[in-house]
C-alpha atoms as a PDB file:
ATOM      1  CA  MET A   1      92.368 148.020  86.465  1.00  0.00           C
ATOM      2  CA  ILE A   2      91.786 151.952  88.073  1.00  0.00           C
ATOM      3  CA  ARG A   3      90.626 150.097  91.142  1.00  0.00           C
ATOM      4  CA  ASN A   4      92.935 147.613  91.310  1.00  0.00           C
ATOM      5  CA  LEU A   5      95.822 150.251  91.164  1.00  0.00           C
ATOM      6  CA  GLN A   6      94.183 152.111  93.780  1.00  0.00           C
ATOM      7  CA  SER A   7      94.052 149.397  96.213  1.00  0.00           C
ATOM      8  CA  ARG A   8      97.946 147.928  95.752  1.00  0.00           C
ATOM      9  CA  ILE A   9      98.768 151.952  96.633  1.00  0.00           C
ATOM     10  CA  ILE A  10      96.568 151.904  99.378  1.00  0.00           C
ATOM     11  CA  LYS A  11      98.543 148.388 100.632  1.00  0.00           C
ATOM     12  CA  LEU A  12     101.933 149.827  99.664  1.00  0.00           C
ATOM     13  CA  GLU A  13     101.319 153.217 101.971  1.00  0.00           C
ATOM     14  CA  GLY A  14     100.557 150.667 104.534  1.00  0.00           C
ATOM     15  CA  ARG A  15     103.186 148.853 104.557  1.00  0.00           C
ATOM     16  CA  ALA A  16     105.478 152.152 104.935  1.00  0.00           C
ATOM     17  CA  ARG A  17     103.564 153.237 108.228  1.00  0.00           C
ATOM     18  CA  PRO A  18     105.276 152.263 111.268  1.00  0.00           C
ATOM     19  CA  ALA A  19     103.868 149.514 113.050  1.00  0.00           C
ATOM     20  CA  GLY A  20     102.892 151.406 116.340  1.00  0.00           C
ATOM     21  CA  GLU A  21     101.261 154.405 114.159  1.00  0.00           C
ATOM     22  CA  MET A  22      97.779 154.999 115.161  1.00  0.00           C
ATOM     23  CA  LEU A  23      95.193 157.949 115.098  1.00  0.00           C
ATOM     24  CA  LEU A  24      93.578 158.067 118.487  1.00  0.00           C
ATOM     25  CA  ILE A  25      90.200 159.700 118.872  1.00  0.00           C
ATOM     26  CA  TRP A  26      88.555 160.016 122.153  1.00  0.00           C
ATOM     27  CA  TYR A  27      84.878 161.095 122.952  1.00  0.00           C
ATOM     28  CA  ALA A  28      83.055 162.044 125.777  1.00  0.00           C
ATOM     29  CA  PRO A  29      81.139 159.713 128.170  1.00  0.00           C
ATOM     30  CA  ASP A  30      77.754 161.429 127.033  1.00  0.00           C
ATOM     31  CA  ASP A  31      78.616 161.294 123.278  1.00  0.00           C
ATOM     32  CA  THR A  32      78.919 158.602 120.909  1.00  0.00           C
ATOM     33  CA  ALA A  33      81.536 156.343 119.004  1.00  0.00           C
ATOM     34  CA  GLU A  34      79.893 157.024 116.087  1.00  0.00           C
ATOM     35  CA  ALA A  35      79.178 160.812 116.345  1.00  0.00           C
ATOM     36  CA  ALA A  36      82.700 161.326 116.924  1.00  0.00           C
ATOM     37  CA  LEU A  37      83.770 159.401 114.238  1.00  0.00           C
ATOM     38  CA  GLU A  38      81.390 161.473 111.831  1.00  0.00           C
ATOM     39  CA  ARG A  39      83.210 165.059 113.311  1.00  0.00           C
ATOM     40  CA  HIS A  40      86.646 163.795 112.961  1.00  0.00           C
ATOM     41  CA  ARG A  41      85.972 161.590 109.479  1.00  0.00           C
ATOM     42  CA  HIS A  42      88.354 164.283 107.791  1.00  0.00           C
ATOM     43  CA  LEU A  43      91.829 163.363 110.073  1.00  0.00           C
ATOM     44  CA  VAL A  44      91.372 159.085 108.162  1.00  0.00           C
ATOM     45  CA  ASN A  45      93.373 158.001 105.809  1.00  0.00           C
ATOM     46  CA  PRO A  46      92.371 154.505 104.196  1.00  0.00           C
ATOM     47  CA  ILE A  47      95.638 153.321 105.453  1.00  0.00           C
ATOM     48  CA  ASP A  48      95.617 154.374 108.774  1.00  0.00           C
ATOM     49  CA  ARG A  49      94.903 152.177 112.230  1.00  0.00           C
ATOM     50  CA  VAL A  50      92.539 154.604 113.859  1.00  0.00           C
ATOM     51  CA  ALA A  51      91.257 153.741 117.334  1.00  0.00           C
ATOM     52  CA  ILE A  52      88.311 155.612 119.162  1.00  0.00           C
ATOM     53  CA  ALA A  53      88.256 155.346 122.746  1.00  0.00           C
ATOM     54  CA  ARG A  54      85.512 156.788 125.726  1.00  0.00           C
ATOM     55  CA  TRP A  55      87.174 159.640 127.493  1.00  0.00           C
ATOM     56  CA  PRO A  56      86.430 158.068 131.069  1.00  0.00           C
ATOM     57  CA  TYR A  57      86.801 161.341 132.809  1.00  0.00           C
ATOM     58  CA  ALA A  58      84.375 164.257 133.604  1.00  0.00           C
ATOM     59  CA  ASP A  59      86.254 166.658 131.794  1.00  0.00           C
ATOM     60  CA  GLU A  60      87.047 167.450 128.014  1.00  0.00           C
ATOM     61  CA  PRO A  61      88.451 164.720 126.082  1.00  0.00           C
ATOM     62  CA  PRO A  62      91.962 165.549 124.689  1.00  0.00           C
ATOM     63  CA  ALA A  63      92.128 166.244 120.724  1.00  0.00           C
ATOM     64  CA  PRO A  64      92.426 163.531 118.077  1.00  0.00           C
ATOM     65  CA  ALA A  65      96.206 162.951 117.690  1.00  0.00           C
ATOM     66  CA  ARG A  66      98.514 160.704 116.189  1.00  0.00           C
ATOM     67  CA  HIS A  67     100.970 158.848 118.094  1.00  0.00           C
ATOM     68  CA  ARG A  68     104.104 157.303 116.011  1.00  0.00           C
ATOM     69  CA  ASN A  69     104.623 155.342 119.118  1.00  0.00           C
ATOM     70  CA  PHE A  70     101.157 154.075 120.717  1.00  0.00           C
ATOM     71  CA  PRO A  71     100.591 154.370 123.663  1.00  0.00           C
ATOM     72  CA  PRO A  72     104.175 155.137 124.884  1.00  0.00           C
ATOM     73  CA  ALA A  73     103.162 158.621 123.025  1.00  0.00           C
ATOM     74  CA  THR A  74     100.322 159.310 124.945  1.00  0.00           C
ATOM     75  CA  SER A  75      99.725 161.792 127.799  1.00  0.00           C
ATOM     76  CA  GLU A  76     100.290 160.552 131.249  1.00  0.00           C
ATOM     77  CA  ARG A  77      96.219 161.205 131.953  1.00  0.00           C
ATOM     78  CA  GLU A  78      95.581 159.493 128.254  1.00  0.00           C
ATOM     79  CA  HIS A  79      97.906 156.211 129.335  1.00  0.00           C
ATOM     80  CA  ALA A  80      95.984 155.857 132.780  1.00  0.00           C
ATOM     81  CA  ALA A  81      92.661 155.946 130.908  1.00  0.00           C
ATOM     82  CA  LEU A  82      93.853 153.682 128.305  1.00  0.00           C
ATOM     83  CA  ASP A  83      95.034 151.178 131.128  1.00  0.00           C
ATOM     84  CA  ARG A  84      91.530 151.624 132.433  1.00  0.00           C
ATOM     85  CA  LEU A  85      89.930 150.299 129.175  1.00  0.00           C
ATOM     86  CA  LEU A  86      92.357 147.226 128.718  1.00  0.00           C
ATOM     87  CA  GLN A  87      91.383 146.199 132.197  1.00  0.00           C
ATOM     88  CA  GLU A  88      87.708 146.469 131.110  1.00  0.00           C
ATOM     89  CA  ALA A  89      88.604 144.495 127.769  1.00  0.00           C
ATOM     90  CA  ALA A  90      90.541 141.654 129.645  1.00  0.00           C
ATOM     91  CA  ARG A  91      87.737 141.379 131.933  1.00  0.00           C
ATOM     92  CA  GLN A  92      85.269 140.406 129.243  1.00  0.00           C
ATOM     93  CA  THR A  93      87.608 138.077 127.435  1.00  0.00           C
ATOM     94  CA  ALA A  94      87.215 135.154 129.580  1.00  0.00           C
ATOM     95  CA  ASP A  95      88.305 132.461 127.447  1.00  0.00           C
ATOM     96  CA  GLN A  96      91.740 131.208 128.156  1.00  0.00           C
ATOM     97  CA  ALA A  97      92.961 130.542 124.302  1.00  0.00           C
ATOM     98  CA  ASP A  98      91.740 134.090 123.485  1.00  0.00           C
ATOM     99  CA  ASN A  99      94.008 135.523 126.071  1.00  0.00           C
ATOM    100  CA  LYS A 100      97.304 133.379 125.494  1.00  0.00           C
ATOM    101  CA  ARG A 101      96.295 134.360 121.753  1.00  0.00           C
ATOM    102  CA  LEU A 102      96.582 137.987 122.581  1.00  0.00           C
ATOM    103  CA  SER A 103      99.631 137.633 124.513  1.00  0.00           C
ATOM    104  CA  GLU A 104     101.351 136.747 121.353  1.00  0.00           C
ATOM    105  CA  TRP A 105     100.824 140.036 119.978  1.00  0.00           C
ATOM    106  CA  SER A 106     102.472 143.271 120.022  1.00  0.00           C
ATOM    107  CA  ASP A 107     102.041 146.041 122.298  1.00  0.00           C
ATOM    108  CA  ALA A 108     100.395 148.367 119.288  1.00  0.00           C
ATOM    109  CA  ASP A 109      98.324 145.114 117.886  1.00  0.00           C
ATOM    110  CA  LEU A 110      97.005 144.279 120.988  1.00  0.00           C
ATOM    111  CA  TRP A 111      95.989 147.977 121.313  1.00  0.00           C
ATOM    112  CA  TYR A 112      94.663 148.226 117.791  1.00  0.00           C
ATOM    113  CA  GLU A 113      92.425 145.397 118.436  1.00  0.00           C
ATOM    114  CA  VAL A 114      90.748 146.652 121.675  1.00  0.00           C
ATOM    115  CA  LEU A 115      89.975 150.125 120.034  1.00  0.00           C
ATOM    116  CA  ARG A 116      90.097 149.790 116.206  1.00  0.00           C
ATOM    117  CA  MET A 117      87.207 151.813 114.678  1.00  0.00           C
ATOM    118  CA  ASP A 118      86.330 149.414 111.913  1.00  0.00           C
ATOM    119  CA  ARG A 119      84.609 147.444 115.318  1.00  0.00           C
ATOM    120  CA  ARG A 120      82.086 150.078 115.083  1.00  0.00           C
ATOM    121  CA  ALA A 121      79.420 149.340 112.994  1.00  0.00           C
ATOM    122  CA  GLY A 122      79.013 151.202 109.432  1.00  0.00           C
ATOM    123  CA  TYR A 123      82.448 152.195 109.745  1.00  0.00           C
ATOM    124  CA  GLU A 124      85.151 150.114 107.754  1.00  0.00           C
ATOM    125  CA  ILE A 125      88.968 150.984 107.689  1.00  0.00           C
ATOM    126  CA  ARG A 126      91.087 149.357 104.748  1.00  0.00           C
ATOM    127  CA  HIS A 127      94.647 148.093 105.561  1.00  0.00           C
END
């Protein structure tokens, strides 16, 4: 009974979250996504959309941040880094049907699909 209530609460809270809201965690090129997730696990709530991405520049990556309007709310430099990651992901998707399906998604859903945290082994986020 309690487990069912918790599950229902999580789903209801998830519906209240704006569609474009996302927690973005960057990690350095010499780091791993898993290590970055562990360091910032305290920022993650079960209803959050969490994106994790490798910072493509040599300097220190930006601190994790929640963006209500993802990706337009990111800084110019973060936006450029995200564009590089999206181009990389597009090159890896050779299937035309996949490209057509992805083109029908909202920007926030597309970014989430490319960067979502639960793609990482051993990490699961409930929505």
